[in-house]
């Protein structure tokens, strides 16, 4: 049995090193800022879709294809957002269940 291999595993699992890397610089975004930015983009797609639907009802849109594309973009963005939310909540619940 080679004890050196066990020591190399201990070096990998060393808790003195922080697993979280910080990003420094002018363009660094926090997780909260990134989340807000993403939610704002989804909201803009939803608002654009609603606007296109209103214009279609009023007869101001010549191409029906644009209305359907805007609606599908908003729908897909919302589905992805809900999936990410679900994964974040699952991860949070897993962390809460951890015993220290």
Foldseek 3Di string as FASTA:
>chain_A
DDCVVVVVVCVVVPPVDDPDDADDDDPDDDPVRVVVVLVVVLVVLVVVLVVLVVCVVVVNDPDVVVNVVSVVVSVVSVVVVVVVVVVVVVVVVVVVPDDD
